[in-house]
C-alpha atoms as a PDB file:
ATOM      1  CA  MET A   1       0.000   0.000   0.000  1.00  0.00           C
ATOM      2  CA  PRO A   2       2.841   2.507   0.583  1.00  0.00           C
ATOM      3  CA  ARG A   3       3.695   2.430  -3.145  1.00  0.00           C
ATOM      4  CA  ALA A   4       0.094   3.140  -4.036  1.00  0.00           C
ATOM      5  CA  VAL A   5      -0.089   6.024  -1.561  1.00  0.00           C
ATOM      6  CA  GLY A   6       3.112   7.514  -3.011  1.00  0.00           C
ATOM      7  CA  LEU A   7       1.724   7.230  -6.529  1.00  0.00           C
ATOM      8  CA  ALA A   8      -1.563   8.835  -5.468  1.00  0.00           C
ATOM      9  CA  ASP A   9       0.431  11.720  -3.996  1.00  0.00           C
ATOM     10  CA  GLU A  10       2.405  12.152  -7.244  1.00  0.00           C
ATOM     11  CA  LEU A  11      -0.769  12.164  -9.324  1.00  0.00           C
ATOM     12  CA  LEU A  12      -2.519  14.652  -7.049  1.00  0.00           C
ATOM     13  CA  ARG A  13       0.505  16.961  -6.982  1.00  0.00           C
ATOM     14  CA  GLY A  14       0.470  17.037 -10.772  1.00  0.00           C
ATOM     15  CA  TRP A  15      -3.192  17.010 -11.686  1.00  0.00           C
ATOM     16  CA  ALA A  16      -5.363  17.652  -8.595  1.00  0.00           C
ATOM     17  CA  PRO A  17      -7.483  20.328 -10.328  1.00  0.00           C
ATOM     18  CA  ILE A  18      -8.660  17.864 -12.978  1.00  0.00           C
ATOM     19  CA  ILE A  19      -8.768  14.582 -11.024  1.00  0.00           C
ATOM     20  CA  GLU A  20     -12.375  13.968 -10.038  1.00  0.00           C
ATOM     21  CA  THR A  21     -11.852  10.629  -8.273  1.00  0.00           C
ATOM     22  CA  LEU A  22      -8.819   8.736  -7.016  1.00  0.00           C
ATOM     23  CA  GLU A  23      -9.357   5.406  -5.264  1.00  0.00           C
ATOM     24  CA  LEU A  24      -6.947   3.112  -3.465  1.00  0.00           C
ATOM     25  CA  VAL A  25      -8.461  -0.330  -3.126  1.00  0.00           C
ATOM     26  CA  PRO A  26      -6.408  -2.771  -1.038  1.00  0.00           C
ATOM     27  CA  ASP A  27      -7.042  -6.425  -1.784  1.00  0.00           C
ATOM     28  CA  GLY A  28      -4.251  -8.185   0.112  1.00  0.00           C
ATOM     29  CA  LYS A  29      -3.188 -10.171  -2.947  1.00  0.00           C
ATOM     30  CA  GLY A  30      -0.471  -7.844  -4.232  1.00  0.00           C
ATOM     31  CA  ARG A  31      -2.581  -6.659  -7.122  1.00  0.00           C
ATOM     32  CA  PHE A  32      -1.644  -3.251  -8.529  1.00  0.00           C
ATOM     33  CA  GLU A  33      -3.678  -1.729 -11.340  1.00  0.00           C
ATOM     34  CA  VAL A  34      -4.106   1.849 -12.449  1.00  0.00           C
ATOM     35  CA  THR A  35      -7.160   2.864 -14.449  1.00  0.00           C
ATOM     36  CA  LEU A  36      -7.632   6.294 -15.989  1.00  0.00           C
ATOM     37  CA  ASP A  37     -11.006   7.311 -17.409  1.00  0.00           C
ATOM     38  CA  GLY A  38     -12.072   3.668 -17.425  1.00  0.00           C
ATOM     39  CA  GLU A  39      -8.958   2.483 -19.302  1.00  0.00           C
ATOM     40  CA  LEU A  40      -6.423   0.196 -17.650  1.00  0.00           C
ATOM     41  CA  ILE A  41      -3.065   1.952 -18.091  1.00  0.00           C
ATOM     42  CA  PHE A  42      -0.909  -0.239 -15.833  1.00  0.00           C
ATOM     43  CA  SER A  43      -1.313  -3.765 -14.513  1.00  0.00           C
ATOM     44  CA  LYS A  44       1.315  -5.476 -12.385  1.00  0.00           C
ATOM     45  CA  ALA A  45      -0.289  -8.833 -13.173  1.00  0.00           C
ATOM     46  CA  GLY A  46      -0.414  -8.106 -16.894  1.00  0.00           C
ATOM     47  CA  LEU A  47       3.241  -7.115 -17.067  1.00  0.00           C
ATOM     48  CA  GLY A  48       4.490  -9.487 -14.383  1.00  0.00           C
ATOM     49  CA  ARG A  49       6.379  -6.728 -12.577  1.00  0.00           C
ATOM     50  CA  HIS A  50       6.061  -3.638 -10.427  1.00  0.00           C
ATOM     51  CA  ALA A  51       5.946  -0.241 -12.071  1.00  0.00           C
ATOM     52  CA  GLU A  52       9.294   1.453 -12.482  1.00  0.00           C
ATOM     53  CA  PRO A  53       9.706   4.804 -10.677  1.00  0.00           C
ATOM     54  CA  GLY A  54       7.875   7.451 -12.695  1.00  0.00           C
ATOM     55  CA  GLU A  55       6.355   4.930 -15.110  1.00  0.00           C
ATOM     56  CA  VAL A  56       2.710   5.355 -14.113  1.00  0.00           C
ATOM     57  CA  VAL A  57       3.066   9.141 -13.908  1.00  0.00           C
ATOM     58  CA  ALA A  58       4.487   9.124 -17.455  1.00  0.00           C
ATOM     59  CA  LEU A  59       1.516   7.054 -18.637  1.00  0.00           C
ATOM     60  CA  ALA A  60      -0.861   9.514 -16.937  1.00  0.00           C
ATOM     61  CA  ARG A  61       0.995  12.453 -18.515  1.00  0.00           C
ATOM     62  CA  GLU A  62       0.493  10.924 -21.979  1.00  0.00           C
ATOM     63  CA  ARG A  63      -3.257  11.008 -21.409  1.00  0.00           C
ATOM     64  CA  MET A  64      -3.762  14.132 -19.252  1.00  0.00           C
ATOM     65  CA  GLY A  65      -1.016  16.377 -20.589  1.00  0.00           C
ATOM     66  CA  PRO A  66       1.710  18.061 -18.581  1.00  0.00           C
ATOM     67  CA  GLU A  67       1.357  18.595 -14.861  1.00  0.00           C
ATOM     68  CA  ILE A  68      -0.688  21.647 -13.920  1.00  0.00           C
ATOM     69  CA  ASP A  69       1.378  24.471 -12.466  1.00  0.00           C
ATOM     70  CA  ARG A  70      -0.477  25.697  -9.407  1.00  0.00           C
ATOM     71  CA  GLY A  71       2.096  28.373  -8.648  1.00  0.00           C
ATOM     72  CA  SER A  72       3.861  28.704  -5.342  1.00  0.00           C
ATOM     73  CA  ASN A  73       0.646  28.899  -3.287  1.00  0.00           C
END
């Protein structure tokens, strides 16, 4: 779960103004999937490995565009 929490933090830091829903669903079986707008963009089971650092954020960036600059506030 710590990896998922870290990823959620990265996604919210980059795109909080346009993210309507972000869910972390623990299942106790080591499953790790990321879905964006109903499309599966990363699956640990499908690839047989954990996401590399920055990999899921890069996949999100491809679909949502660059991170939103919220200034220094």
